[in-house]
C-alpha atoms as a PDB file:
ATOM      1  CA  MET A   1       0.217   0.063  -0.036  1.00  0.00           C
ATOM      2  CA  LYS A   2       1.352   3.404  -1.143  1.00  0.00           C
ATOM      3  CA  VAL A   3       0.678   6.227   1.421  1.00  0.00           C
ATOM      4  CA  ALA A   4       1.337   9.870   1.690  1.00  0.00           C
ATOM      5  CA  LEU A   5       1.589  11.489   5.266  1.00  0.00           C
ATOM      6  CA  ASP A   6       0.605  14.879   6.251  1.00  0.00           C
ATOM      7  CA  THR A   7       3.162  16.401   8.711  1.00  0.00           C
ATOM      8  CA  ASP A   8       0.515  16.325  11.445  1.00  0.00           C
ATOM      9  CA  VAL A   9       0.699  12.441  11.401  1.00  0.00           C
ATOM     10  CA  LEU A  10       4.335  12.545  11.841  1.00  0.00           C
ATOM     11  CA  ILE A  11       3.750  15.004  14.778  1.00  0.00           C
ATOM     12  CA  ALA A  12       1.366  12.444  16.618  1.00  0.00           C
ATOM     13  CA  ALA A  13       3.814   9.532  15.710  1.00  0.00           C
ATOM     14  CA  VAL A  14       6.658  11.019  17.890  1.00  0.00           C
ATOM     15  CA  ARG A  15       4.399  12.311  20.671  1.00  0.00           C
ATOM     16  CA  SER A  16       2.495   9.031  21.432  1.00  0.00           C
ATOM     17  CA  ARG A  17       3.808   5.517  21.437  1.00  0.00           C
ATOM     18  CA  LEU A  18       0.090   4.079  21.472  1.00  0.00           C
ATOM     19  CA  GLY A  19      -1.527   5.973  18.744  1.00  0.00           C
ATOM     20  CA  ALA A  20      -2.276   4.920  15.220  1.00  0.00           C
ATOM     21  CA  SER A  21       0.082   7.329  13.750  1.00  0.00           C
ATOM     22  CA  ARG A  22       2.985   5.456  15.418  1.00  0.00           C
ATOM     23  CA  ALA A  23       1.811   2.256  14.283  1.00  0.00           C
ATOM     24  CA  TRP A  24       1.781   3.725  10.546  1.00  0.00           C
ATOM     25  CA  VAL A  25       5.229   4.857  10.810  1.00  0.00           C
ATOM     26  CA  ARG A  26       6.303   1.540  12.349  1.00  0.00           C
ATOM     27  CA  ALA A  27       4.741  -0.151   9.290  1.00  0.00           C
ATOM     28  CA  ILE A  28       6.483   1.953   6.748  1.00  0.00           C
ATOM     29  CA  LEU A  29       9.928   1.176   8.475  1.00  0.00           C
ATOM     30  CA  SER A  30       8.986  -2.616   8.514  1.00  0.00           C
ATOM     31  CA  GLY A  31       8.099  -2.506   4.772  1.00  0.00           C
ATOM     32  CA  GLU A  32       4.431  -3.162   5.295  1.00  0.00           C
ATOM     33  CA  ALA A  33       3.656   0.085   3.710  1.00  0.00           C
ATOM     34  CA  ASP A  34       5.253   2.157   1.143  1.00  0.00           C
ATOM     35  CA  LEU A  35       5.783   6.033   1.844  1.00  0.00           C
ATOM     36  CA  LEU A  36       5.693   8.436  -0.941  1.00  0.00           C
ATOM     37  CA  LEU A  37       7.955  11.399  -0.293  1.00  0.00           C
ATOM     38  CA  SER A  38       8.966  14.530  -2.145  1.00  0.00           C
ATOM     39  CA  VAL A  39      12.329  16.723  -1.348  1.00  0.00           C
ATOM     40  CA  PRO A  40      10.118  19.650  -0.433  1.00  0.00           C
ATOM     41  CA  LEU A  41       7.720  17.529   1.875  1.00  0.00           C
ATOM     42  CA  ALA A  42      10.752  16.004   3.633  1.00  0.00           C
ATOM     43  CA  LEU A  43      12.149  19.284   4.296  1.00  0.00           C
ATOM     44  CA  GLN A  44       8.806  20.371   5.787  1.00  0.00           C
ATOM     45  CA  TYR A  45       8.985  17.407   8.146  1.00  0.00           C
ATOM     46  CA  GLU A  46      12.366  18.376   9.360  1.00  0.00           C
ATOM     47  CA  ALA A  47      11.496  21.892   9.782  1.00  0.00           C
ATOM     48  CA  VAL A  48       8.429  21.229  11.864  1.00  0.00           C
ATOM     49  CA  LEU A  49       9.629  18.070  13.976  1.00  0.00           C
ATOM     50  CA  THR A  50      12.734  19.866  15.078  1.00  0.00           C
ATOM     51  CA  ARG A  51      11.049  23.068  16.328  1.00  0.00           C
ATOM     52  CA  PRO A  52      11.454  23.312  20.152  1.00  0.00           C
ATOM     53  CA  GLU A  53       7.822  22.636  21.252  1.00  0.00           C
ATOM     54  CA  GLN A  54       7.871  19.624  19.221  1.00  0.00           C
ATOM     55  CA  LEU A  55      11.118  18.336  20.604  1.00  0.00           C
ATOM     56  CA  ALA A  56       9.817  19.023  24.055  1.00  0.00           C
ATOM     57  CA  ALA A  57       6.495  17.114  23.607  1.00  0.00           C
ATOM     58  CA  SER A  58       8.398  14.054  21.812  1.00  0.00           C
ATOM     59  CA  GLY A  59      11.514  13.875  24.322  1.00  0.00           C
ATOM     60  CA  ALA A  60      13.703  13.837  21.174  1.00  0.00           C
ATOM     61  CA  SER A  61      16.739  15.957  20.114  1.00  0.00           C
ATOM     62  CA  VAL A  62      17.376  17.421  16.838  1.00  0.00           C
ATOM     63  CA  GLU A  63      19.719  14.667  15.885  1.00  0.00           C
ATOM     64  CA  GLN A  64      17.302  11.972  16.927  1.00  0.00           C
ATOM     65  CA  ILE A  65      14.783  13.494  14.647  1.00  0.00           C
ATOM     66  CA  GLN A  66      17.083  13.735  11.824  1.00  0.00           C
ATOM     67  CA  ALA A  67      18.238  10.278  11.992  1.00  0.00           C
ATOM     68  CA  LEU A  68      14.610   8.975  11.955  1.00  0.00           C
ATOM     69  CA  LEU A  69      13.993  11.060   8.837  1.00  0.00           C
ATOM     70  CA  ASP A  70      17.174   9.759   7.477  1.00  0.00           C
ATOM     71  CA  VAL A  71      15.600   6.253   7.624  1.00  0.00           C
ATOM     72  CA  LEU A  72      12.301   7.383   6.194  1.00  0.00           C
ATOM     73  CA  CYS A  73      14.146   8.909   3.266  1.00  0.00           C
ATOM     74  CA  ALA A  74      16.039   5.846   2.878  1.00  0.00           C
ATOM     75  CA  VAL A  75      12.883   3.488   2.798  1.00  0.00           C
ATOM     76  CA  CYS A  76      10.582   5.532   1.038  1.00  0.00           C
ATOM     77  CA  THR A  77       9.724   5.720  -2.725  1.00  0.00           C
ATOM     78  CA  PRO A  78      10.932   9.300  -4.032  1.00  0.00           C
ATOM     79  CA  VAL A  79       8.500  11.064  -5.808  1.00  0.00           C
ATOM     80  CA  GLU A  80       9.963  13.735  -8.325  1.00  0.00           C
ATOM     81  CA  ILE A  81       7.273  16.211  -8.841  1.00  0.00           C
ATOM     82  CA  SER A  82       7.388  16.339 -12.898  1.00  0.00           C
ATOM     83  CA  PHE A  83       4.280  18.609 -12.905  1.00  0.00           C
ATOM     84  CA  LEU A  84       2.032  20.151 -10.232  1.00  0.00           C
ATOM     85  CA  TRP A  85      -1.699  20.156  -9.768  1.00  0.00           C
ATOM     86  CA  ARG A  86      -2.879  23.809  -9.945  1.00  0.00           C
ATOM     87  CA  PRO A  87      -3.062  25.286  -6.420  1.00  0.00           C
ATOM     88  CA  MET A  88      -6.410  24.088  -5.121  1.00  0.00           C
ATOM     89  CA  LEU A  89      -6.173  24.113  -1.172  1.00  0.00           C
ATOM     90  CA  ARG A  90      -6.209  26.748   1.442  1.00  0.00           C
ATOM     91  CA  ASP A  91      -2.789  25.943   2.818  1.00  0.00           C
ATOM     92  CA  ALA A  92       0.197  25.986   0.566  1.00  0.00           C
ATOM     93  CA  ASP A  93       1.871  23.431   3.088  1.00  0.00           C
ATOM     94  CA  ASP A  94      -0.977  21.206   2.347  1.00  0.00           C
ATOM     95  CA  GLU A  95      -0.419  21.463  -1.472  1.00  0.00           C
ATOM     96  CA  MET A  96       3.069  19.233  -0.885  1.00  0.00           C
ATOM     97  CA  VAL A  97       1.154  16.487   0.432  1.00  0.00           C
ATOM     98  CA  LEU A  98      -1.352  16.421  -2.135  1.00  0.00           C
ATOM     99  CA  GLU A  99       1.105  16.404  -4.892  1.00  0.00           C
ATOM    100  CA  VAL A 100       2.871  13.712  -3.507  1.00  0.00           C
ATOM    101  CA  ALA A 101      -0.087  11.767  -3.205  1.00  0.00           C
ATOM    102  CA  VAL A 102      -1.355  12.584  -6.825  1.00  0.00           C
ATOM    103  CA  ASN A 103       2.032  12.243  -8.418  1.00  0.00           C
ATOM    104  CA  GLY A 104       2.777   9.075  -6.779  1.00  0.00           C
ATOM    105  CA  GLY A 105      -0.394   7.314  -7.150  1.00  0.00           C
ATOM    106  CA  ALA A 106      -1.241   7.171  -3.416  1.00  0.00           C
ATOM    107  CA  ASP A 107      -3.723   4.446  -2.173  1.00  0.00           C
ATOM    108  CA  ARG A 108      -3.880   6.740   0.971  1.00  0.00           C
ATOM    109  CA  LEU A 109      -3.335  10.321   2.105  1.00  0.00           C
ATOM    110  CA  LEU A 110      -3.241  10.287   5.821  1.00  0.00           C
ATOM    111  CA  THR A 111      -3.952  13.472   7.723  1.00  0.00           C
ATOM    112  CA  PHE A 112      -5.804  14.756  10.701  1.00  0.00           C
ATOM    113  CA  ASN A 113      -6.682  17.851   8.607  1.00  0.00           C
ATOM    114  CA  GLU A 114      -9.462  16.363   6.508  1.00  0.00           C
ATOM    115  CA  ARG A 115     -11.218  19.949   6.482  1.00  0.00           C
ATOM    116  CA  ASP A 116      -8.595  21.780   4.516  1.00  0.00           C
ATOM    117  CA  PHE A 117      -8.209  18.578   2.006  1.00  0.00           C
ATOM    118  CA  ALA A 118     -11.946  18.551   1.202  1.00  0.00           C
ATOM    119  CA  GLY A 119     -11.587  20.974  -1.833  1.00  0.00           C
ATOM    120  CA  GLY A 120      -8.549  19.081  -3.393  1.00  0.00           C
ATOM    121  CA  ARG A 121      -8.423  16.209  -5.766  1.00  0.00           C
ATOM    122  CA  PRO A 122      -8.918  13.159  -3.567  1.00  0.00           C
ATOM    123  CA  ALA A 123      -6.255  10.549  -2.983  1.00  0.00           C
ATOM    124  CA  ARG A 124      -8.564   7.694  -2.988  1.00  0.00           C
ATOM    125  CA  ARG A 125     -11.588   6.800  -5.505  1.00  0.00           C
ATOM    126  CA  ASP A 126     -14.169   7.385  -2.717  1.00  0.00           C
ATOM    127  CA  GLY A 127     -12.963  11.028  -2.564  1.00  0.00           C
ATOM    128  CA  ARG A 128     -11.821  10.824   0.977  1.00  0.00           C
ATOM    129  CA  ALA A 129      -8.517  11.746   2.853  1.00  0.00           C
ATOM    130  CA  PRO A 130      -8.298   8.943   5.657  1.00  0.00           C
ATOM    131  CA  ARG A 131      -7.116  10.041   9.054  1.00  0.00           C
ATOM    132  CA  PRO A 132      -5.062   7.906  11.220  1.00  0.00           C
ATOM    133  CA  GLY A 133      -7.788   8.381  13.650  1.00  0.00           C
ATOM    134  CA  LEU A 134     -11.075  10.698  13.392  1.00  0.00           C
ATOM    135  CA  ALA A 135     -10.436  13.921  15.133  1.00  0.00           C
ATOM    136  CA  VAL A 136      -8.596  16.813  13.407  1.00  0.00           C
ATOM    137  CA  MET A 137      -5.508  18.113  15.176  1.00  0.00           C
ATOM    138  CA  GLU A 138      -5.793  21.620  16.401  1.00  0.00           C
ATOM    139  CA  GLU A 139      -2.427  22.603  16.010  1.00  0.00           C
ATOM    140  CA  ARG A 140      -1.397  24.415  12.712  1.00  0.00           C
ATOM    141  CA  MET A 141       2.033  24.899  11.059  1.00  0.00           C
ATOM    142  CA  THR A 142       3.350  28.416  10.804  1.00  0.00           C
ATOM    143  CA  GLN A 143       4.527  30.051   8.057  1.00  0.00           C
ATOM    144  CA  ALA A 144       8.084  31.164   7.393  1.00  0.00           C
ATOM    145  CA  ASN A 145       8.097  34.757   5.934  1.00  0.00           C
ATOM    146  CA  TYR A 146      10.589  36.161   3.340  1.00  0.00           C
ATOM    147  CA  ALA A 147      10.575  39.435   1.546  1.00  0.00           C
ATOM    148  CA  LEU A 148      10.643  38.374  -2.071  1.00  0.00           C
ATOM    149  CA  ARG A 149      11.548  40.983  -4.699  1.00  0.00           C
ATOM    150  CA  LEU A 150      10.189  40.199  -8.067  1.00  0.00           C
ATOM    151  CA  GLN A 151      10.488  41.866 -11.162  1.00  0.00           C
ATOM    152  CA  ALA A 152       7.410  43.943 -11.990  1.00  0.00           C
ATOM    153  CA  SER A 153       6.696  42.116 -15.136  1.00  0.00           C
ATOM    154  CA  LEU A 154       7.149  38.812 -13.524  1.00  0.00           C
ATOM    155  CA  LYS A 155       5.122  39.623 -10.545  1.00  0.00           C
ATOM    156  CA  ALA A 156       2.244  41.067 -12.761  1.00  0.00           C
ATOM    157  CA  GLU A 157       2.160  37.840 -14.762  1.00  0.00           C
ATOM    158  CA  ALA A 158       2.336  35.647 -11.789  1.00  0.00           C
ATOM    159  CA  GLU A 159      -0.479  37.688 -10.070  1.00  0.00           C
ATOM    160  CA  ARG A 160      -2.650  37.081 -13.440  1.00  0.00           C
ATOM    161  CA  LEU A 161      -1.938  33.389 -13.446  1.00  0.00           C
ATOM    162  CA  ALA A 162      -2.635  33.091  -9.798  1.00  0.00           C
ATOM    163  CA  LYS A 163      -6.101  34.987 -10.360  1.00  0.00           C
ATOM    164  CA  ALA A 164      -6.818  32.626 -13.127  1.00  0.00           C
ATOM    165  CA  GLU A 165      -6.250  29.612 -11.159  1.00  0.00           C
ATOM    166  CA  GLY A 166      -8.422  30.793  -8.265  1.00  0.00           C
ATOM    167  CA  THR A 167      -5.563  31.091  -5.760  1.00  0.00           C
ATOM    168  CA  THR A 168      -3.311  33.676  -4.119  1.00  0.00           C
ATOM    169  CA  LEU A 169       0.141  35.077  -5.289  1.00  0.00           C
ATOM    170  CA  ASN A 170       1.732  33.501  -2.207  1.00  0.00           C
ATOM    171  CA  GLN A 171       0.354  30.256  -2.594  1.00  0.00           C
ATOM    172  CA  PHE A 172       1.144  30.248  -6.409  1.00  0.00           C
ATOM    173  CA  ILE A 173       4.674  31.121  -5.487  1.00  0.00           C
ATOM    174  CA  ASN A 174       5.173  28.532  -2.937  1.00  0.00           C
ATOM    175  CA  VAL A 175       3.984  25.828  -5.332  1.00  0.00           C
ATOM    176  CA  ALA A 176       6.340  26.952  -8.034  1.00  0.00           C
ATOM    177  CA  VAL A 177       9.278  27.047  -5.473  1.00  0.00           C
ATOM    178  CA  ALA A 178       8.377  23.599  -4.363  1.00  0.00           C
ATOM    179  CA  GLU A 179       8.380  22.241  -8.119  1.00  0.00           C
ATOM    180  CA  LYS A 180      11.948  23.742  -8.736  1.00  0.00           C
ATOM    181  CA  ILE A 181      13.285  22.362  -5.454  1.00  0.00           C
ATOM    182  CA  ALA A 182      11.905  18.982  -6.353  1.00  0.00           C
ATOM    183  CA  ALA A 183      13.338  18.848  -9.960  1.00  0.00           C
ATOM    184  CA  LEU A 184      16.837  20.024  -8.960  1.00  0.00           C
ATOM    185  CA  ARG A 185      17.433  17.894  -5.656  1.00  0.00           C
ATOM    186  CA  THR A 186      15.431  14.665  -5.680  1.00  0.00           C
ATOM    187  CA  ALA A 187      18.060  12.113  -6.559  1.00  0.00           C
ATOM    188  CA  ASP A 188      20.683  13.609  -4.602  1.00  0.00           C
ATOM    189  CA  PHE A 189      18.690  14.374  -1.574  1.00  0.00           C
ATOM    190  CA  PHE A 190      17.353  10.906  -1.046  1.00  0.00           C
ATOM    191  CA  ARG A 191      20.784   9.167  -1.597  1.00  0.00           C
ATOM    192  CA  GLU A 192      22.509  11.619   0.726  1.00  0.00           C
ATOM    193  CA  ARG A 193      19.829  10.693   3.481  1.00  0.00           C
ATOM    194  CA  ALA A 194      20.064   6.986   2.889  1.00  0.00           C
ATOM    195  CA  ARG A 195      23.726   6.984   3.291  1.00  0.00           C
ATOM    196  CA  ARG A 196      23.409   8.161   6.927  1.00  0.00           C
ATOM    197  CA  ALA A 197      20.363   5.912   7.513  1.00  0.00           C
ATOM    198  CA  ASP A 198      20.396   3.185  10.497  1.00  0.00           C
ATOM    199  CA  LEU A 199      17.131   1.315  10.315  1.00  0.00           C
ATOM    200  CA  PRO A 200      17.507  -0.821  13.577  1.00  0.00           C
ATOM    201  CA  ALA A 201      18.529   2.089  15.517  1.00  0.00           C
ATOM    202  CA  ALA A 202      15.504   4.114  14.281  1.00  0.00           C
ATOM    203  CA  LEU A 203      13.161   1.440  15.225  1.00  0.00           C
ATOM    204  CA  ALA A 204      14.803   1.393  18.673  1.00  0.00           C
ATOM    205  CA  LEU A 205      14.317   5.322  18.667  1.00  0.00           C
ATOM    206  CA  LEU A 206      10.787   4.813  17.729  1.00  0.00           C
ATOM    207  CA  ASP A 207      10.062   2.740  20.723  1.00  0.00           C
ATOM    208  CA  ARG A 208      11.503   5.411  23.107  1.00  0.00           C
ATOM    209  CA  LEU A 209       9.809   8.668  21.726  1.00  0.00           C
ATOM    210  CA  GLY A 210       6.970  10.058  23.176  1.00  0.00           C
ATOM    211  CA  GLY A 211       5.242   8.900  26.363  1.00  0.00           C
ATOM    212  CA  ASP A 212       2.839   6.079  27.407  1.00  0.00           C
ATOM    213  CA  ASP A 213      -0.105   8.563  27.859  1.00  0.00           C
ATOM    214  CA  PRO A 214      -3.206   7.848  25.814  1.00  0.00           C
ATOM    215  CA  PRO A 215      -3.048   9.184  22.061  1.00  0.00           C
ATOM    216  CA  ARG A 216      -4.849  12.253  21.398  1.00  0.00           C
ATOM    217  CA  SER A 217      -8.308  12.178  20.545  1.00  0.00           C
ATOM    218  CA  GLY A 218      -8.474  10.813  16.901  1.00  0.00           C
ATOM    219  CA  ASP A 219      -5.386   8.706  16.928  1.00  0.00           C
ATOM    220  CA  GLU A 220      -6.782   5.669  18.647  1.00  0.00           C
ATOM    221  CA  LEU A 221      -5.396   2.533  17.026  1.00  0.00           C
ATOM    222  CA  GLU A 222      -8.939   0.938  16.714  1.00  0.00           C
ATOM    223  CA  GLU A 223      -9.969   4.084  14.627  1.00  0.00           C
ATOM    224  CA  ALA A 224      -7.205   3.344  11.947  1.00  0.00           C
ATOM    225  CA  ARG A 225      -8.178   2.416   8.627  1.00  0.00           C
END
């Protein structure tokens, strides 16, 4: 089974040993599920999971999170975004997950954020984006701001295209940058991460991360599909 994981699923996986999200990650590491992953999405995973509040919640260090992601990069099926679906979701971060799911032919897109994915192209024929559990996680990822200077002619054309596609200029630029990064970095990126990967160590680390408290609402194992 080919799966695409939203970042909130990995957050849940490193925070609780008992949730469905942790079970999905273990299934990926053991070869029972095939993770689809692009360079932009892998970079997003790392940026979010190494934030101080996420490290505190999981009990992990930056180095441990990077080691876990190295192994996910080693066992994944890299997805090179040769073309992008036109922006169709409210959050540019969500577009990265959707692009991986569509371009990689995912059987399932796993997310707690079903509301924001409702307007996008479905990852399954029944039109649903399954969650590890049932409830939408409340935390949202913040954006990194950067003052971008575009030539006036390029900005005008980008605004025209963004308006024609029914999206914002910011989201249009986010998607364009993600496409360029994927095109330039896919092969080398995953090869470099795989070189450092240690699967037995990652499985042992996964057993230590997070606590034995019950998983958050919506991540209960009996709700996994």
